[in-house]
N, C-alpha and C. Protein backbone atom coordinates (compact mmCIF):
# COMPACT_ATOMS: atom_id res chain seq x y z
N MET A 1 108.97 89.22 115.34
CA MET A 1 110.08 88.84 114.46
C MET A 1 109.79 89.33 113.04
N GLU A 2 110.79 89.95 112.43
CA GLU A 2 110.63 90.36 111.04
C GLU A 2 110.92 89.15 110.13
N VAL A 3 110.09 89.01 109.11
CA VAL A 3 110.23 87.91 108.16
C VAL A 3 110.43 88.49 106.77
N LEU A 4 111.59 88.25 106.19
CA LEU A 4 111.87 88.67 104.83
C LEU A 4 111.31 87.64 103.86
N VAL A 5 110.58 88.11 102.87
CA VAL A 5 109.99 87.22 101.87
C VAL A 5 110.54 87.62 100.50
N PRO A 6 111.60 86.95 100.03
CA PRO A 6 112.17 87.28 98.72
C PRO A 6 111.16 87.01 97.60
N PHE A 7 111.09 87.93 96.65
CA PHE A 7 110.12 87.80 95.57
C PHE A 7 110.73 88.34 94.28
N SER A 8 110.76 87.50 93.26
CA SER A 8 111.33 87.90 91.97
C SER A 8 110.24 88.46 91.07
N THR A 9 110.46 89.67 90.58
CA THR A 9 109.54 90.26 89.61
C THR A 9 110.05 90.09 88.19
N ASP A 10 111.23 89.52 88.03
CA ASP A 10 111.85 89.33 86.72
C ASP A 10 111.67 87.88 86.28
N ARG A 11 110.78 87.65 85.32
CA ARG A 11 110.49 86.32 84.81
C ARG A 11 110.18 85.34 85.96
N PRO A 12 109.17 85.62 86.78
CA PRO A 12 108.87 84.74 87.91
C PRO A 12 108.42 83.35 87.46
N LYS A 13 108.81 82.34 88.25
CA LYS A 13 108.38 80.96 88.04
C LYS A 13 108.64 80.48 86.61
N SER A 14 109.85 80.71 86.12
CA SER A 14 110.18 80.37 84.74
C SER A 14 110.09 78.87 84.47
N ARG A 15 110.26 78.04 85.50
CA ARG A 15 110.19 76.59 85.29
C ARG A 15 108.75 76.09 85.11
N LEU A 16 107.78 76.99 85.24
CA LEU A 16 106.40 76.64 84.95
C LEU A 16 105.99 77.10 83.55
N SER A 17 106.98 77.44 82.73
CA SER A 17 106.68 77.98 81.40
C SER A 17 105.99 76.96 80.48
N ALA A 18 106.11 75.67 80.79
CA ALA A 18 105.46 74.65 79.96
C ALA A 18 103.95 74.64 80.14
N VAL A 19 103.47 75.19 81.26
CA VAL A 19 102.03 75.14 81.53
C VAL A 19 101.40 76.51 81.74
N LEU A 20 102.23 77.55 81.91
CA LEU A 20 101.69 78.88 82.16
C LEU A 20 102.40 79.91 81.27
N SER A 21 101.64 80.86 80.77
CA SER A 21 102.22 81.96 80.00
C SER A 21 102.95 82.92 80.94
N PRO A 22 103.79 83.82 80.41
CA PRO A 22 104.46 84.78 81.29
C PRO A 22 103.50 85.58 82.17
N ALA A 23 102.39 86.05 81.60
CA ALA A 23 101.43 86.81 82.40
C ALA A 23 100.79 85.93 83.47
N GLU A 24 100.51 84.67 83.14
CA GLU A 24 99.93 83.76 84.12
C GLU A 24 100.92 83.44 85.22
N ARG A 25 102.18 83.26 84.86
CA ARG A 25 103.18 82.98 85.90
C ARG A 25 103.29 84.14 86.87
N ALA A 26 103.24 85.36 86.35
CA ALA A 26 103.32 86.54 87.23
C ALA A 26 102.12 86.59 88.16
N ALA A 27 100.92 86.32 87.63
CA ALA A 27 99.72 86.36 88.46
C ALA A 27 99.73 85.25 89.51
N PHE A 28 100.17 84.06 89.11
CA PHE A 28 100.24 82.94 90.04
C PHE A 28 101.26 83.22 91.14
N ALA A 29 102.40 83.80 90.77
CA ALA A 29 103.43 84.13 91.76
C ALA A 29 102.90 85.14 92.77
N ARG A 30 102.14 86.12 92.31
CA ARG A 30 101.57 87.10 93.23
C ARG A 30 100.55 86.44 94.17
N ALA A 31 99.78 85.48 93.66
CA ALA A 31 98.82 84.78 94.52
C ALA A 31 99.54 84.00 95.61
N MET A 32 100.62 83.31 95.25
CA MET A 32 101.39 82.57 96.26
C MET A 32 102.00 83.52 97.27
N LEU A 33 102.52 84.65 96.79
CA LEU A 33 103.10 85.64 97.70
C LEU A 33 102.08 86.08 98.74
N ARG A 34 100.85 86.38 98.30
CA ARG A 34 99.83 86.81 99.25
C ARG A 34 99.50 85.71 100.25
N ASP A 35 99.48 84.45 99.81
CA ASP A 35 99.25 83.35 100.74
C ASP A 35 100.34 83.31 101.81
N VAL A 36 101.59 83.48 101.39
CA VAL A 36 102.71 83.45 102.35
C VAL A 36 102.61 84.63 103.31
N LEU A 37 102.34 85.81 102.80
CA LEU A 37 102.23 86.99 103.67
C LEU A 37 101.11 86.83 104.69
N ASP A 38 99.98 86.28 104.25
CA ASP A 38 98.87 86.05 105.18
C ASP A 38 99.28 85.08 106.29
N ALA A 39 99.97 84.00 105.92
CA ALA A 39 100.38 83.01 106.91
C ALA A 39 101.39 83.59 107.89
N VAL A 40 102.32 84.38 107.40
CA VAL A 40 103.32 85.01 108.27
C VAL A 40 102.64 85.94 109.27
N ALA A 41 101.74 86.78 108.78
CA ALA A 41 101.05 87.71 109.67
C ALA A 41 100.20 86.97 110.69
N ALA A 42 99.52 85.90 110.26
CA ALA A 42 98.68 85.14 111.17
C ALA A 42 99.51 84.41 112.23
N ALA A 43 100.79 84.14 111.92
CA ALA A 43 101.68 83.51 112.88
C ALA A 43 102.24 84.50 113.89
N GLY A 44 101.87 85.77 113.76
CA GLY A 44 102.30 86.79 114.71
C GLY A 44 103.60 87.47 114.38
N ALA A 45 104.09 87.30 113.13
CA ALA A 45 105.35 87.93 112.72
C ALA A 45 105.07 89.11 111.79
N GLU A 46 106.13 89.80 111.41
CA GLU A 46 106.01 91.01 110.61
C GLU A 46 106.67 90.79 109.26
N PRO A 47 105.88 90.54 108.20
CA PRO A 47 106.49 90.28 106.89
C PRO A 47 106.99 91.54 106.21
N ARG A 48 108.05 91.38 105.46
CA ARG A 48 108.58 92.44 104.59
C ARG A 48 109.01 91.78 103.28
N VAL A 49 108.47 92.23 102.17
CA VAL A 49 108.83 91.66 100.88
C VAL A 49 110.17 92.23 100.44
N LEU A 50 111.07 91.34 100.04
CA LEU A 50 112.37 91.73 99.48
C LEU A 50 112.31 91.42 98.00
N ALA A 51 111.96 92.43 97.20
CA ALA A 51 111.65 92.22 95.79
C ALA A 51 112.79 92.68 94.90
N THR A 52 112.87 92.05 93.72
CA THR A 52 113.90 92.45 92.76
C THR A 52 113.50 93.69 91.97
N GLY A 53 112.25 94.08 92.07
CA GLY A 53 111.76 95.27 91.37
C GLY A 53 110.41 95.67 91.94
N ALA A 54 109.79 96.68 91.34
CA ALA A 54 108.48 97.12 91.82
C ALA A 54 107.47 95.99 91.70
N VAL A 55 106.66 95.82 92.74
CA VAL A 55 105.66 94.75 92.76
C VAL A 55 104.33 95.30 92.31
N ASP A 56 103.79 94.68 91.28
CA ASP A 56 102.52 95.12 90.71
C ASP A 56 101.36 94.50 91.49
N ALA A 57 101.24 94.91 92.75
CA ALA A 57 100.18 94.38 93.61
C ALA A 57 100.08 95.27 94.84
N ASP A 58 98.90 95.32 95.42
CA ASP A 58 98.66 96.06 96.65
C ASP A 58 98.93 95.12 97.81
N LEU A 59 100.09 95.25 98.43
CA LEU A 59 100.50 94.32 99.47
C LEU A 59 100.28 94.90 100.86
N PRO A 60 100.00 94.04 101.83
CA PRO A 60 99.69 94.50 103.19
C PRO A 60 100.92 94.65 104.07
N CYS A 61 102.09 94.91 103.47
CA CYS A 61 103.31 95.00 104.26
C CYS A 61 104.33 95.84 103.50
N PRO A 62 105.42 96.25 104.16
CA PRO A 62 106.46 97.02 103.46
C PRO A 62 107.14 96.19 102.39
N VAL A 63 107.69 96.89 101.39
CA VAL A 63 108.44 96.27 100.31
C VAL A 63 109.80 96.95 100.20
N THR A 64 110.86 96.17 100.21
CA THR A 64 112.22 96.67 99.95
C THR A 64 112.65 96.15 98.59
N VAL A 65 113.11 97.03 97.72
CA VAL A 65 113.56 96.63 96.39
C VAL A 65 115.07 96.49 96.38
N ASP A 66 115.55 95.33 95.94
CA ASP A 66 116.98 95.06 95.80
C ASP A 66 117.13 94.15 94.59
N ASP A 67 117.72 94.66 93.53
CA ASP A 67 117.79 93.90 92.28
C ASP A 67 119.00 92.98 92.18
N ARG A 68 119.75 92.84 93.27
CA ARG A 68 120.89 91.92 93.26
C ARG A 68 120.40 90.47 93.32
N PRO A 69 121.27 89.51 92.99
CA PRO A 69 120.89 88.10 93.12
C PRO A 69 120.45 87.77 94.53
N LEU A 70 119.67 86.68 94.66
CA LEU A 70 119.04 86.33 95.92
C LEU A 70 120.02 86.28 97.08
N THR A 71 121.13 85.57 96.92
CA THR A 71 122.08 85.43 98.03
C THR A 71 122.59 86.78 98.50
N GLU A 72 123.01 87.63 97.57
CA GLU A 72 123.54 88.93 97.94
C GLU A 72 122.48 89.80 98.61
N ALA A 73 121.27 89.78 98.08
CA ALA A 73 120.20 90.62 98.62
C ALA A 73 119.83 90.20 100.04
N VAL A 74 119.72 88.90 100.27
CA VAL A 74 119.36 88.42 101.60
C VAL A 74 120.47 88.69 102.59
N ASN A 75 121.73 88.46 102.22
CA ASN A 75 122.83 88.74 103.13
C ASN A 75 122.88 90.22 103.50
N ALA A 76 122.64 91.10 102.54
CA ALA A 76 122.62 92.54 102.83
C ALA A 76 121.49 92.87 103.80
N ALA A 77 120.34 92.25 103.61
CA ALA A 77 119.21 92.50 104.50
C ALA A 77 119.49 91.98 105.91
N LEU A 78 120.13 90.81 106.01
CA LEU A 78 120.48 90.28 107.33
C LEU A 78 121.49 91.19 108.02
N ASP A 79 122.49 91.66 107.28
CA ASP A 79 123.47 92.58 107.86
C ASP A 79 122.79 93.84 108.39
N ALA A 80 121.83 94.36 107.63
CA ALA A 80 121.16 95.59 108.04
C ALA A 80 120.37 95.41 109.33
N ARG A 81 119.91 94.18 109.58
CA ARG A 81 119.07 93.96 110.75
C ARG A 81 119.83 93.37 111.92
N LEU A 82 120.83 92.54 111.67
CA LEU A 82 121.56 91.88 112.74
C LEU A 82 122.93 92.48 112.98
N GLY A 83 123.42 93.26 112.00
CA GLY A 83 124.78 93.76 112.08
C GLY A 83 125.71 92.81 111.38
N ASP A 84 126.84 93.31 110.93
CA ASP A 84 127.82 92.49 110.22
C ASP A 84 128.64 91.74 111.24
N GLY A 85 128.57 90.38 111.18
CA GLY A 85 129.28 89.55 112.16
C GLY A 85 130.77 89.53 111.98
N GLY A 86 131.28 90.11 110.92
CA GLY A 86 132.72 90.24 110.74
C GLY A 86 133.43 88.91 110.72
N ASP A 87 134.24 88.67 111.74
CA ASP A 87 135.10 87.49 111.72
C ASP A 87 134.41 86.25 112.26
N GLY A 88 133.09 86.34 112.52
CA GLY A 88 132.38 85.15 112.99
C GLY A 88 132.63 84.83 114.44
N GLY A 89 132.87 85.87 115.26
CA GLY A 89 133.10 85.65 116.67
C GLY A 89 131.86 85.19 117.39
N ASP A 90 131.95 85.10 118.73
CA ASP A 90 130.86 84.57 119.53
C ASP A 90 129.79 85.64 119.72
N ASP A 91 128.86 85.67 118.78
CA ASP A 91 127.77 86.64 118.87
C ASP A 91 126.44 85.92 119.06
N GLY A 92 126.46 84.75 119.63
CA GLY A 92 125.26 83.92 119.73
C GLY A 92 124.25 84.43 120.73
N ASP A 93 124.57 85.46 121.53
CA ASP A 93 123.62 85.97 122.50
C ASP A 93 122.72 87.04 121.90
N ALA A 94 122.84 87.31 120.60
CA ALA A 94 122.02 88.33 119.97
C ALA A 94 120.55 88.01 120.19
N ALA A 95 119.79 88.99 120.71
CA ALA A 95 118.38 88.75 121.04
C ALA A 95 117.51 88.77 119.79
N GLU A 96 117.91 89.53 118.81
CA GLU A 96 117.08 89.69 117.63
C GLU A 96 117.20 88.47 116.72
N ARG A 97 116.11 88.13 116.11
CA ARG A 97 116.08 87.06 115.12
C ARG A 97 115.42 87.59 113.87
N VAL A 98 115.87 87.13 112.72
CA VAL A 98 115.27 87.49 111.44
C VAL A 98 114.99 86.20 110.69
N ALA A 99 113.82 86.09 110.11
CA ALA A 99 113.46 84.91 109.32
C ALA A 99 113.45 85.27 107.84
N VAL A 100 113.67 84.25 107.03
CA VAL A 100 113.57 84.37 105.57
C VAL A 100 112.67 83.24 105.10
N VAL A 101 111.56 83.58 104.48
CA VAL A 101 110.58 82.60 104.02
C VAL A 101 110.32 82.84 102.54
N MET A 102 110.49 81.81 101.72
CA MET A 102 110.34 81.99 100.28
C MET A 102 108.88 82.26 99.90
N ALA A 103 108.71 82.98 98.80
CA ALA A 103 107.39 83.49 98.42
C ALA A 103 106.53 82.46 97.72
N ASP A 104 107.07 81.26 97.44
CA ASP A 104 106.27 80.26 96.73
C ASP A 104 105.84 79.10 97.63
N LEU A 105 105.80 79.33 98.93
CA LEU A 105 105.37 78.29 99.88
C LEU A 105 103.87 78.46 100.12
N ALA A 106 103.09 78.19 99.08
CA ALA A 106 101.65 78.46 99.14
C ALA A 106 100.92 77.57 100.14
N LEU A 107 101.54 76.48 100.59
CA LEU A 107 100.91 75.61 101.58
C LEU A 107 101.33 75.96 103.01
N ALA A 108 102.16 76.97 103.19
CA ALA A 108 102.60 77.35 104.53
C ALA A 108 101.39 77.75 105.37
N THR A 109 101.40 77.32 106.61
CA THR A 109 100.33 77.67 107.54
C THR A 109 100.93 78.41 108.73
N PRO A 110 100.10 79.15 109.46
CA PRO A 110 100.61 79.80 110.67
C PRO A 110 101.23 78.81 111.65
N ASP A 111 100.64 77.63 111.81
CA ASP A 111 101.20 76.64 112.74
C ASP A 111 102.59 76.19 112.29
N ALA A 112 102.76 75.93 110.99
CA ALA A 112 104.07 75.51 110.49
C ALA A 112 105.11 76.60 110.70
N LEU A 113 104.72 77.84 110.48
CA LEU A 113 105.65 78.95 110.67
C LEU A 113 105.97 79.16 112.15
N ARG A 114 104.98 79.00 113.00
CA ARG A 114 105.26 79.11 114.44
C ARG A 114 106.26 78.06 114.88
N GLN A 115 106.16 76.85 114.32
CA GLN A 115 107.15 75.81 114.63
C GLN A 115 108.55 76.25 114.23
N LEU A 116 108.66 76.85 113.04
CA LEU A 116 109.96 77.36 112.59
C LEU A 116 110.46 78.46 113.52
N PHE A 117 109.59 79.41 113.85
CA PHE A 117 110.01 80.53 114.70
C PHE A 117 110.42 80.06 116.08
N ALA A 118 109.71 79.07 116.62
CA ALA A 118 110.06 78.53 117.94
C ALA A 118 111.43 77.87 117.90
N ALA A 119 111.71 77.11 116.84
CA ALA A 119 113.03 76.50 116.69
C ALA A 119 114.11 77.57 116.57
N GLY A 120 113.78 78.67 115.90
CA GLY A 120 114.74 79.75 115.74
C GLY A 120 115.03 80.52 117.02
N ARG A 121 114.13 80.44 117.99
CA ARG A 121 114.40 81.07 119.29
C ARG A 121 115.30 80.19 120.16
N GLU A 122 115.33 78.89 119.87
CA GLU A 122 116.14 77.97 120.66
C GLU A 122 117.54 77.77 120.07
N ALA A 123 117.66 77.85 118.75
CA ALA A 123 118.94 77.63 118.08
C ALA A 123 119.41 78.92 117.42
N ASP A 124 120.69 78.99 117.11
CA ASP A 124 121.23 80.16 116.41
C ASP A 124 120.69 80.26 114.99
N VAL A 125 120.51 79.10 114.37
CA VAL A 125 119.98 79.06 113.01
C VAL A 125 118.97 77.91 112.94
N ALA A 126 117.77 78.18 112.46
CA ALA A 126 116.77 77.15 112.23
C ALA A 126 116.47 77.10 110.74
N ILE A 127 116.43 75.89 110.19
CA ILE A 127 116.28 75.73 108.74
C ILE A 127 115.13 74.78 108.44
N ALA A 128 114.26 75.19 107.52
CA ALA A 128 113.23 74.30 106.99
C ALA A 128 113.66 73.92 105.58
N PRO A 129 114.18 72.70 105.38
CA PRO A 129 114.66 72.32 104.05
C PRO A 129 113.52 72.08 103.09
N GLY A 130 113.78 72.33 101.82
CA GLY A 130 112.83 72.00 100.77
C GLY A 130 113.17 70.66 100.16
N ARG A 131 112.26 70.14 99.38
CA ARG A 131 112.54 68.89 98.67
C ARG A 131 113.66 69.15 97.66
N GLY A 132 114.61 68.22 97.59
CA GLY A 132 115.72 68.40 96.66
C GLY A 132 116.91 69.12 97.24
N GLY A 133 116.88 69.40 98.54
CA GLY A 133 118.07 69.96 99.18
C GLY A 133 118.14 71.46 99.26
N GLY A 134 117.08 72.15 98.88
CA GLY A 134 117.08 73.61 98.98
C GLY A 134 116.73 74.07 100.38
N THR A 135 116.70 75.37 100.57
CA THR A 135 116.31 75.98 101.83
C THR A 135 115.08 76.83 101.58
N ASN A 136 113.95 76.40 102.11
CA ASN A 136 112.71 77.11 101.87
C ASN A 136 112.43 78.19 102.90
N ALA A 137 112.95 78.01 104.10
CA ALA A 137 112.76 79.01 105.15
C ALA A 137 113.84 78.83 106.20
N LEU A 138 114.21 79.91 106.85
CA LEU A 138 115.17 79.81 107.93
C LEU A 138 115.02 81.00 108.87
N VAL A 139 115.54 80.83 110.08
CA VAL A 139 115.60 81.90 111.07
C VAL A 139 117.06 82.06 111.46
N VAL A 140 117.53 83.29 111.47
CA VAL A 140 118.94 83.56 111.75
C VAL A 140 119.04 84.46 112.98
N GLY A 141 119.90 84.05 113.91
CA GLY A 141 120.16 84.86 115.09
C GLY A 141 121.63 85.15 115.31
N ARG A 142 122.46 84.78 114.36
CA ARG A 142 123.90 85.03 114.46
C ARG A 142 124.32 85.98 113.34
N PRO A 143 124.82 87.17 113.68
CA PRO A 143 125.21 88.12 112.64
C PRO A 143 126.27 87.59 111.69
N ALA A 144 127.10 86.64 112.13
CA ALA A 144 128.17 86.12 111.27
C ALA A 144 127.65 85.14 110.22
N PHE A 145 126.42 84.69 110.36
CA PHE A 145 125.89 83.70 109.42
C PHE A 145 125.62 84.35 108.06
N ARG A 146 125.95 83.61 107.01
CA ARG A 146 125.70 84.07 105.64
C ARG A 146 124.92 83.00 104.89
N VAL A 147 123.97 83.43 104.10
CA VAL A 147 123.23 82.48 103.28
C VAL A 147 123.96 82.24 101.97
N ASP A 148 123.68 81.10 101.38
CA ASP A 148 124.20 80.75 100.05
C ASP A 148 123.15 79.85 99.40
N TYR A 149 122.36 80.43 98.50
CA TYR A 149 121.22 79.71 97.95
C TYR A 149 121.54 78.93 96.68
N HIS A 150 122.80 78.73 96.38
CA HIS A 150 123.16 77.96 95.19
C HIS A 150 123.21 76.47 95.53
N GLY A 151 122.72 75.63 94.62
CA GLY A 151 122.86 74.18 94.78
C GLY A 151 122.10 73.64 95.97
N ALA A 152 122.71 72.68 96.65
CA ALA A 152 122.09 72.05 97.83
C ALA A 152 122.27 72.96 99.02
N SER A 153 121.48 74.03 99.07
CA SER A 153 121.72 75.08 100.05
C SER A 153 121.46 74.62 101.48
N TYR A 154 120.60 73.63 101.68
CA TYR A 154 120.38 73.13 103.04
C TYR A 154 121.68 72.61 103.64
N LEU A 155 122.40 71.80 102.87
CA LEU A 155 123.68 71.29 103.35
C LEU A 155 124.69 72.41 103.50
N ASP A 156 124.69 73.35 102.57
CA ASP A 156 125.62 74.48 102.65
C ASP A 156 125.34 75.31 103.90
N HIS A 157 124.07 75.53 104.21
CA HIS A 157 123.75 76.35 105.37
C HIS A 157 124.11 75.64 106.68
N ARG A 158 123.98 74.34 106.73
CA ARG A 158 124.45 73.61 107.91
C ARG A 158 125.96 73.73 108.05
N ARG A 159 126.67 73.63 106.92
CA ARG A 159 128.13 73.76 106.97
C ARG A 159 128.55 75.16 107.39
N ILE A 160 127.91 76.18 106.86
CA ILE A 160 128.24 77.56 107.21
C ILE A 160 128.02 77.80 108.70
N ALA A 161 126.91 77.28 109.23
CA ALA A 161 126.63 77.42 110.66
C ALA A 161 127.70 76.73 111.50
N GLU A 162 128.10 75.53 111.07
CA GLU A 162 129.14 74.81 111.81
C GLU A 162 130.45 75.58 111.80
N GLU A 163 130.79 76.20 110.68
CA GLU A 163 132.04 76.95 110.57
C GLU A 163 132.11 78.13 111.53
N ILE A 164 130.96 78.73 111.87
CA ILE A 164 130.98 79.86 112.80
C ILE A 164 130.58 79.46 114.21
N GLY A 165 130.43 78.14 114.44
CA GLY A 165 130.09 77.66 115.77
C GLY A 165 128.65 77.92 116.17
N ALA A 166 127.75 78.01 115.21
CA ALA A 166 126.35 78.29 115.50
C ALA A 166 125.57 76.98 115.63
N SER A 167 124.67 76.93 116.59
CA SER A 167 123.79 75.77 116.73
C SER A 167 122.73 75.81 115.63
N VAL A 168 122.30 74.62 115.21
CA VAL A 168 121.36 74.51 114.10
C VAL A 168 120.19 73.61 114.50
N ALA A 169 118.99 74.03 114.15
CA ALA A 169 117.80 73.20 114.28
C ALA A 169 117.21 72.99 112.90
N SER A 170 116.90 71.74 112.57
CA SER A 170 116.27 71.43 111.30
C SER A 170 114.78 71.19 111.54
N VAL A 171 113.95 71.89 110.80
CA VAL A 171 112.50 71.82 110.98
C VAL A 171 111.91 70.97 109.87
N ASP A 172 111.40 69.81 110.24
CA ASP A 172 110.83 68.86 109.28
C ASP A 172 109.35 69.18 109.12
N SER A 173 109.00 69.88 108.04
CA SER A 173 107.62 70.30 107.84
C SER A 173 107.24 70.13 106.38
N HIS A 174 106.25 69.29 106.12
CA HIS A 174 105.77 69.13 104.75
C HIS A 174 105.27 70.46 104.20
N ARG A 175 104.61 71.24 105.03
CA ARG A 175 104.06 72.52 104.59
C ARG A 175 105.15 73.48 104.12
N LEU A 176 106.27 73.48 104.82
CA LEU A 176 107.36 74.39 104.45
C LEU A 176 108.30 73.77 103.43
N ALA A 177 108.25 72.47 103.26
CA ALA A 177 109.12 71.81 102.28
C ALA A 177 108.55 71.87 100.87
N THR A 178 107.25 72.19 100.76
CA THR A 178 106.57 72.14 99.47
C THR A 178 106.54 73.52 98.83
N ASP A 179 107.32 73.68 97.78
CA ASP A 179 107.28 74.92 97.01
C ASP A 179 106.69 74.60 95.63
N ALA A 180 106.43 75.62 94.86
CA ALA A 180 105.80 75.43 93.55
C ALA A 180 106.76 75.91 92.47
N ASP A 181 107.68 75.02 92.10
CA ASP A 181 108.68 75.34 91.08
C ASP A 181 108.42 74.65 89.76
N GLU A 182 107.93 73.42 89.83
CA GLU A 182 107.75 72.59 88.64
C GLU A 182 106.26 72.29 88.43
N PRO A 183 105.87 71.94 87.19
CA PRO A 183 104.46 71.59 86.96
C PRO A 183 103.94 70.50 87.90
N ALA A 184 104.76 69.51 88.23
CA ALA A 184 104.31 68.45 89.13
C ALA A 184 103.96 68.97 90.51
N ASP A 185 104.56 70.09 90.93
CA ASP A 185 104.28 70.66 92.25
C ASP A 185 102.85 71.19 92.35
N LEU A 186 102.24 71.51 91.21
CA LEU A 186 100.88 72.06 91.25
C LEU A 186 99.89 71.06 91.80
N ALA A 187 100.11 69.77 91.55
CA ALA A 187 99.23 68.75 92.09
C ALA A 187 99.28 68.75 93.61
N GLU A 188 100.48 68.86 94.16
CA GLU A 188 100.62 68.87 95.61
C GLU A 188 99.86 70.04 96.21
N LEU A 189 99.96 71.18 95.56
CA LEU A 189 99.26 72.36 96.05
C LEU A 189 97.74 72.15 96.03
N LEU A 190 97.21 71.60 94.93
CA LEU A 190 95.77 71.40 94.83
C LEU A 190 95.28 70.34 95.82
N ILE A 191 96.04 69.27 95.99
CA ILE A 191 95.63 68.21 96.92
C ILE A 191 95.41 68.77 98.32
N HIS A 192 96.41 69.47 98.83
CA HIS A 192 96.34 69.91 100.22
C HIS A 192 95.50 71.16 100.38
N ALA A 193 95.41 71.98 99.36
CA ALA A 193 94.52 73.14 99.44
C ALA A 193 93.07 72.69 99.48
N GLU A 194 92.73 71.62 98.75
CA GLU A 194 91.37 71.11 98.79
C GLU A 194 91.04 70.54 100.18
N ALA A 195 92.02 69.90 100.80
CA ALA A 195 91.80 69.41 102.17
C ALA A 195 91.61 70.59 103.11
N ASP A 196 92.40 71.64 102.94
CA ASP A 196 92.25 72.84 103.77
C ASP A 196 90.87 73.45 103.58
N ALA A 197 90.42 73.50 102.35
CA ALA A 197 89.11 74.10 102.07
C ALA A 197 88.00 73.32 102.77
N ALA A 198 88.15 72.00 102.80
CA ALA A 198 87.14 71.19 103.48
C ALA A 198 87.15 71.44 104.98
N ASP A 199 88.34 71.67 105.54
CA ASP A 199 88.45 71.87 106.98
C ASP A 199 88.10 73.30 107.41
N ALA A 200 88.53 74.29 106.57
CA ALA A 200 88.42 75.68 107.02
C ALA A 200 87.64 76.57 106.06
N GLY A 201 87.17 76.02 104.96
CA GLY A 201 86.39 76.83 104.04
C GLY A 201 87.20 77.74 103.16
N ASP A 202 88.51 77.52 103.08
CA ASP A 202 89.34 78.41 102.28
C ASP A 202 90.55 77.63 101.79
N GLY A 203 90.71 77.53 100.48
CA GLY A 203 91.82 76.78 99.94
C GLY A 203 93.05 77.60 99.61
N GLY A 204 93.01 78.91 99.87
CA GLY A 204 94.16 79.75 99.59
C GLY A 204 94.07 80.40 98.22
N ARG A 205 94.69 81.56 98.10
CA ARG A 205 94.63 82.32 96.85
C ARG A 205 95.25 81.55 95.68
N ALA A 206 96.42 80.94 95.92
CA ALA A 206 97.12 80.28 94.82
C ALA A 206 96.32 79.10 94.28
N ALA A 207 95.75 78.31 95.16
CA ALA A 207 94.94 77.16 94.71
C ALA A 207 93.69 77.64 93.99
N ARG A 208 93.07 78.70 94.49
CA ARG A 208 91.90 79.23 93.80
C ARG A 208 92.28 79.75 92.42
N TRP A 209 93.46 80.38 92.33
CA TRP A 209 93.91 80.88 91.03
C TRP A 209 94.07 79.72 90.05
N LEU A 210 94.67 78.62 90.49
CA LEU A 210 94.84 77.46 89.62
C LEU A 210 93.49 76.90 89.18
N ARG A 211 92.58 76.77 90.10
CA ARG A 211 91.26 76.24 89.73
C ARG A 211 90.55 77.18 88.76
N ASP A 212 90.64 78.48 89.01
CA ASP A 212 90.00 79.45 88.11
C ASP A 212 90.64 79.42 86.72
N ALA A 213 91.94 79.04 86.66
CA ALA A 213 92.64 78.96 85.38
C ALA A 213 92.40 77.63 84.67
N GLY A 214 91.59 76.77 85.27
CA GLY A 214 91.22 75.52 84.62
C GLY A 214 92.00 74.30 85.05
N PHE A 215 92.84 74.40 86.06
CA PHE A 215 93.62 73.26 86.51
C PHE A 215 92.79 72.40 87.47
N ALA A 216 92.96 71.10 87.35
CA ALA A 216 92.29 70.15 88.24
C ALA A 216 93.17 68.93 88.42
N LEU A 217 92.92 68.18 89.48
CA LEU A 217 93.68 66.96 89.72
C LEU A 217 93.31 65.89 88.71
N ASP A 218 94.32 65.10 88.34
CA ASP A 218 94.13 64.04 87.35
C ASP A 218 94.85 62.79 87.84
N ALA A 219 94.10 61.72 88.08
CA ALA A 219 94.70 60.47 88.55
C ALA A 219 94.45 59.33 87.58
N THR A 220 94.27 59.64 86.32
CA THR A 220 93.91 58.60 85.34
C THR A 220 95.03 57.61 85.07
N ASP A 221 96.28 58.00 85.26
CA ASP A 221 97.38 57.08 84.99
C ASP A 221 97.89 56.38 86.24
N GLY A 222 97.13 56.48 87.33
CA GLY A 222 97.53 55.81 88.56
C GLY A 222 98.30 56.69 89.51
N ARG A 223 98.81 57.81 89.02
CA ARG A 223 99.48 58.77 89.87
C ARG A 223 98.78 60.12 89.73
N VAL A 224 98.78 60.87 90.81
CA VAL A 224 98.07 62.14 90.79
C VAL A 224 98.91 63.21 90.12
N GLY A 225 98.34 63.85 89.13
CA GLY A 225 98.96 64.99 88.46
C GLY A 225 97.91 66.06 88.28
N VAL A 226 98.15 66.98 87.35
CA VAL A 226 97.17 68.00 87.05
C VAL A 226 96.86 68.00 85.56
N GLU A 227 95.66 68.41 85.26
CA GLU A 227 95.27 68.62 83.88
C GLU A 227 94.63 69.99 83.79
N ARG A 228 94.62 70.55 82.58
CA ARG A 228 94.02 71.86 82.39
C ARG A 228 92.87 71.73 81.39
N GLU A 229 91.74 72.19 81.83
CA GLU A 229 90.55 72.09 80.99
C GLU A 229 90.59 73.12 79.86
């Protein structure tokens, strides 16, 4: 299965600007991207980066550059691989499936992705929702399906699937629901990456980048956050 990994090279991770400089945000985004690509490949799929511009990194997979907004770029990529579903007719027997996995899912594991891919083989559309109603990953097997990443996209994608008569599977996965958009998300990444390191000897590139940049967990106020040394 081909997995599209959208990646913004234009002001990446702007909502982390309170804690990271522009150069740091770019480096952190690249570290998360590599974590996602590693997990996708280890899950037995074929990653392809869908970037808004040239990627300043040596990546282990093909890169397609499309500077259009996320929704337009992903829909064009789905059309190129599944064909244009046109009027939304009964195309549910399409054998090919294409996945879209966001580049900031630094906690994604091969097992979590295999769960998503398995759901996508059973349903026309499989969705892994993010916290706050977004769509962090999905598998599409209906050419008539269109993504719309604005607002509460998880609900929008369920509605779009219903409108074309496509079956939907929702994948409840903490690993795929956790993205790194806000400063508070960094704590979640460090917590679980440290557990991973204890179990497997490797906490992931993004978590190592944060630790090397001086970030550490802070629970002094009764809730876990991050502090920077």
